[in-house]
């Protein structure tokens, strides 16, 4: 997917009506970004894997795989007794590559 900053804000806001977590991930830095209403990318204070209560990159990192393949992938992530369905899609925002992840919490 390719977006301008304005278009990604609109897309993310639409996804947030269905999914609890929608975020952009810089795979090389394992950094997550929240997108503000004004289109600013605000780095989260934690690495992307922290949402899964992990201290390092996931063994089955769907974002890294989607980034390498420049595609969209899905997986199930198991955390304690909970199961999450995660979608990750290679995305460019004004030419800068990210992974867009979204999943229910």
C-alpha atoms as a PDB file:
ATOM      1  CA  UNK A   1       0.000   0.000   0.000  1.00  0.00           C
ATOM      2  CA  UNK A   2       1.173   3.499  -0.725  1.00  0.00           C
ATOM      3  CA  UNK A   3      -0.115   6.527   1.120  1.00  0.00           C
ATOM      4  CA  UNK A   4       0.489  10.200   1.600  1.00  0.00           C
ATOM      5  CA  UNK A   5       0.589  11.258   5.253  1.00  0.00           C
ATOM      6  CA  UNK A   6      -2.951  12.632   4.961  1.00  0.00           C
ATOM      7  CA  UNK A   7      -4.254   9.419   3.395  1.00  0.00           C
ATOM      8  CA  UNK A   8      -2.607   7.159   5.995  1.00  0.00           C
ATOM      9  CA  UNK A   9      -4.230   9.200   8.782  1.00  0.00           C
ATOM     10  CA  UNK A  10      -7.623   8.640   7.161  1.00  0.00           C
ATOM     11  CA  UNK A  11      -6.934   4.918   6.651  1.00  0.00           C
ATOM     12  CA  UNK A  12      -5.680   4.401  10.212  1.00  0.00           C
ATOM     13  CA  UNK A  13      -8.678   6.241  11.684  1.00  0.00           C
ATOM     14  CA  UNK A  14     -11.030   4.010   9.686  1.00  0.00           C
ATOM     15  CA  UNK A  15      -9.184   0.887  10.892  1.00  0.00           C
ATOM     16  CA  UNK A  16      -9.357   2.063  14.511  1.00  0.00           C
ATOM     17  CA  UNK A  17     -13.144   1.816  14.295  1.00  0.00           C
ATOM     18  CA  UNK A  18     -12.723  -1.956  13.982  1.00  0.00           C
ATOM     19  CA  UNK A  19      -9.333  -2.763  15.539  1.00  0.00           C
ATOM     20  CA  UNK A  20      -7.956  -1.769  18.933  1.00  0.00           C
ATOM     21  CA  UNK A  21      -4.343  -1.451  17.828  1.00  0.00           C
ATOM     22  CA  UNK A  22      -3.284   0.104  14.537  1.00  0.00           C
ATOM     23  CA  UNK A  23       0.344   1.154  14.247  1.00  0.00           C
ATOM     24  CA  UNK A  24       3.215   1.751  11.887  1.00  0.00           C
ATOM     25  CA  UNK A  25       6.388  -0.191  12.595  1.00  0.00           C
ATOM     26  CA  UNK A  26       9.941   0.546  11.484  1.00  0.00           C
ATOM     27  CA  UNK A  27      11.154  -3.044  11.233  1.00  0.00           C
ATOM     28  CA  UNK A  28      14.871  -2.256  11.201  1.00  0.00           C
ATOM     29  CA  UNK A  29      14.596  -0.322  14.482  1.00  0.00           C
ATOM     30  CA  UNK A  30      11.735  -2.418  15.944  1.00  0.00           C
ATOM     31  CA  UNK A  31      10.128   0.936  16.675  1.00  0.00           C
ATOM     32  CA  UNK A  32       6.398   1.532  16.642  1.00  0.00           C
ATOM     33  CA  UNK A  33       4.733   4.802  15.724  1.00  0.00           C
ATOM     34  CA  UNK A  34       1.344   6.204  16.622  1.00  0.00           C
ATOM     35  CA  UNK A  35      -0.192   8.498  14.032  1.00  0.00           C
ATOM     36  CA  UNK A  36      -1.796  11.644  15.426  1.00  0.00           C
ATOM     37  CA  UNK A  37      -4.869  13.319  13.957  1.00  0.00           C
ATOM     38  CA  UNK A  38      -2.570  15.943  12.426  1.00  0.00           C
ATOM     39  CA  UNK A  39      -0.529  13.265  10.645  1.00  0.00           C
ATOM     40  CA  UNK A  40       2.519  13.313  12.889  1.00  0.00           C
ATOM     41  CA  UNK A  41       4.323  10.031  13.512  1.00  0.00           C
ATOM     42  CA  UNK A  42       5.023   9.823  17.218  1.00  0.00           C
ATOM     43  CA  UNK A  43       7.477   7.095  18.263  1.00  0.00           C
ATOM     44  CA  UNK A  44       6.188   4.859  21.019  1.00  0.00           C
ATOM     45  CA  UNK A  45       8.208   4.496  24.170  1.00  0.00           C
ATOM     46  CA  UNK A  46       8.552   0.735  23.681  1.00  0.00           C
ATOM     47  CA  UNK A  47       9.813  -1.588  20.968  1.00  0.00           C
ATOM     48  CA  UNK A  48       7.166  -3.185  18.762  1.00  0.00           C
ATOM     49  CA  UNK A  49       7.512  -6.563  20.479  1.00  0.00           C
ATOM     50  CA  UNK A  50       6.660  -5.137  23.912  1.00  0.00           C
ATOM     51  CA  UNK A  51       2.956  -5.346  23.064  1.00  0.00           C
ATOM     52  CA  UNK A  52       3.407  -9.142  23.232  1.00  0.00           C
ATOM     53  CA  UNK A  53       5.232  -8.981  26.581  1.00  0.00           C
ATOM     54  CA  UNK A  54       8.519  -9.960  24.924  1.00  0.00           C
ATOM     55  CA  UNK A  55      12.010  -8.616  25.507  1.00  0.00           C
ATOM     56  CA  UNK A  56      13.269  -9.197  21.957  1.00  0.00           C
ATOM     57  CA  UNK A  57      12.014  -9.469  18.401  1.00  0.00           C
ATOM     58  CA  UNK A  58       9.495 -12.242  17.884  1.00  0.00           C
ATOM     59  CA  UNK A  59      10.867 -15.515  16.527  1.00  0.00           C
ATOM     60  CA  UNK A  60       8.070 -15.438  13.962  1.00  0.00           C
ATOM     61  CA  UNK A  61       8.192 -11.695  13.238  1.00  0.00           C
ATOM     62  CA  UNK A  62       5.411 -11.175  10.750  1.00  0.00           C
ATOM     63  CA  UNK A  63       6.435  -7.559  10.176  1.00  0.00           C
ATOM     64  CA  UNK A  64       9.989  -8.463   9.200  1.00  0.00           C
ATOM     65  CA  UNK A  65       8.673 -11.110   6.809  1.00  0.00           C
ATOM     66  CA  UNK A  66       6.102  -8.758   5.264  1.00  0.00           C
ATOM     67  CA  UNK A  67       8.805  -6.112   4.900  1.00  0.00           C
ATOM     68  CA  UNK A  68      11.230  -8.500   3.195  1.00  0.00           C
ATOM     69  CA  UNK A  69       8.529  -9.763   0.828  1.00  0.00           C
ATOM     70  CA  UNK A  70       6.898  -6.342   0.385  1.00  0.00           C
ATOM     71  CA  UNK A  71       3.563  -8.024   0.963  1.00  0.00           C
ATOM     72  CA  UNK A  72       0.757  -8.522   3.461  1.00  0.00           C
ATOM     73  CA  UNK A  73       0.842 -11.421   5.922  1.00  0.00           C
ATOM     74  CA  UNK A  74      -1.173 -12.638   8.882  1.00  0.00           C
ATOM     75  CA  UNK A  75      -0.469 -14.745  11.941  1.00  0.00           C
ATOM     76  CA  UNK A  76      -1.816 -15.806  15.286  1.00  0.00           C
ATOM     77  CA  UNK A  77       0.137 -14.563  18.297  1.00  0.00           C
ATOM     78  CA  UNK A  78      -0.230 -16.390  21.594  1.00  0.00           C
ATOM     79  CA  UNK A  79       0.266 -14.434  24.825  1.00  0.00           C
ATOM     80  CA  UNK A  80      -0.447 -16.320  28.026  1.00  0.00           C
ATOM     81  CA  UNK A  81      -3.990 -17.666  27.529  1.00  0.00           C
ATOM     82  CA  UNK A  82      -4.945 -15.161  24.834  1.00  0.00           C
ATOM     83  CA  UNK A  83      -4.788 -15.530  21.052  1.00  0.00           C
ATOM     84  CA  UNK A  84      -4.495 -12.525  18.712  1.00  0.00           C
ATOM     85  CA  UNK A  85      -4.978 -12.404  14.956  1.00  0.00           C
ATOM     86  CA  UNK A  86      -2.390  -9.993  13.564  1.00  0.00           C
ATOM     87  CA  UNK A  87      -2.196  -8.453  10.094  1.00  0.00           C
ATOM     88  CA  UNK A  88       0.950  -6.803   8.773  1.00  0.00           C
ATOM     89  CA  UNK A  89       1.251  -5.023   5.455  1.00  0.00           C
ATOM     90  CA  UNK A  90       4.202  -3.432   3.693  1.00  0.00           C
ATOM     91  CA  UNK A  91       3.318   0.240   3.404  1.00  0.00           C
ATOM     92  CA  UNK A  92       5.018   3.327   2.040  1.00  0.00           C
ATOM     93  CA  UNK A  93       4.130   6.732   3.420  1.00  0.00           C
ATOM     94  CA  UNK A  94       5.422   9.484   1.161  1.00  0.00           C
ATOM     95  CA  UNK A  95       8.033   7.001  -0.094  1.00  0.00           C
ATOM     96  CA  UNK A  96       9.254   5.872   3.350  1.00  0.00           C
ATOM     97  CA  UNK A  97       8.725   2.137   3.995  1.00  0.00           C
ATOM     98  CA  UNK A  98       6.942   0.919   7.118  1.00  0.00           C
ATOM     99  CA  UNK A  99       4.860  -2.010   8.161  1.00  0.00           C
ATOM    100  CA  UNK A 100       1.274  -1.274   9.048  1.00  0.00           C
ATOM    101  CA  UNK A 101       0.049  -3.639  11.766  1.00  0.00           C
ATOM    102  CA  UNK A 102      -3.463  -3.955  13.036  1.00  0.00           C
ATOM    103  CA  UNK A 103      -5.154  -6.336  15.416  1.00  0.00           C
ATOM    104  CA  UNK A 104      -7.845  -6.489  18.095  1.00  0.00           C
ATOM    105  CA  UNK A 105      -6.718  -6.260  21.693  1.00  0.00           C
END
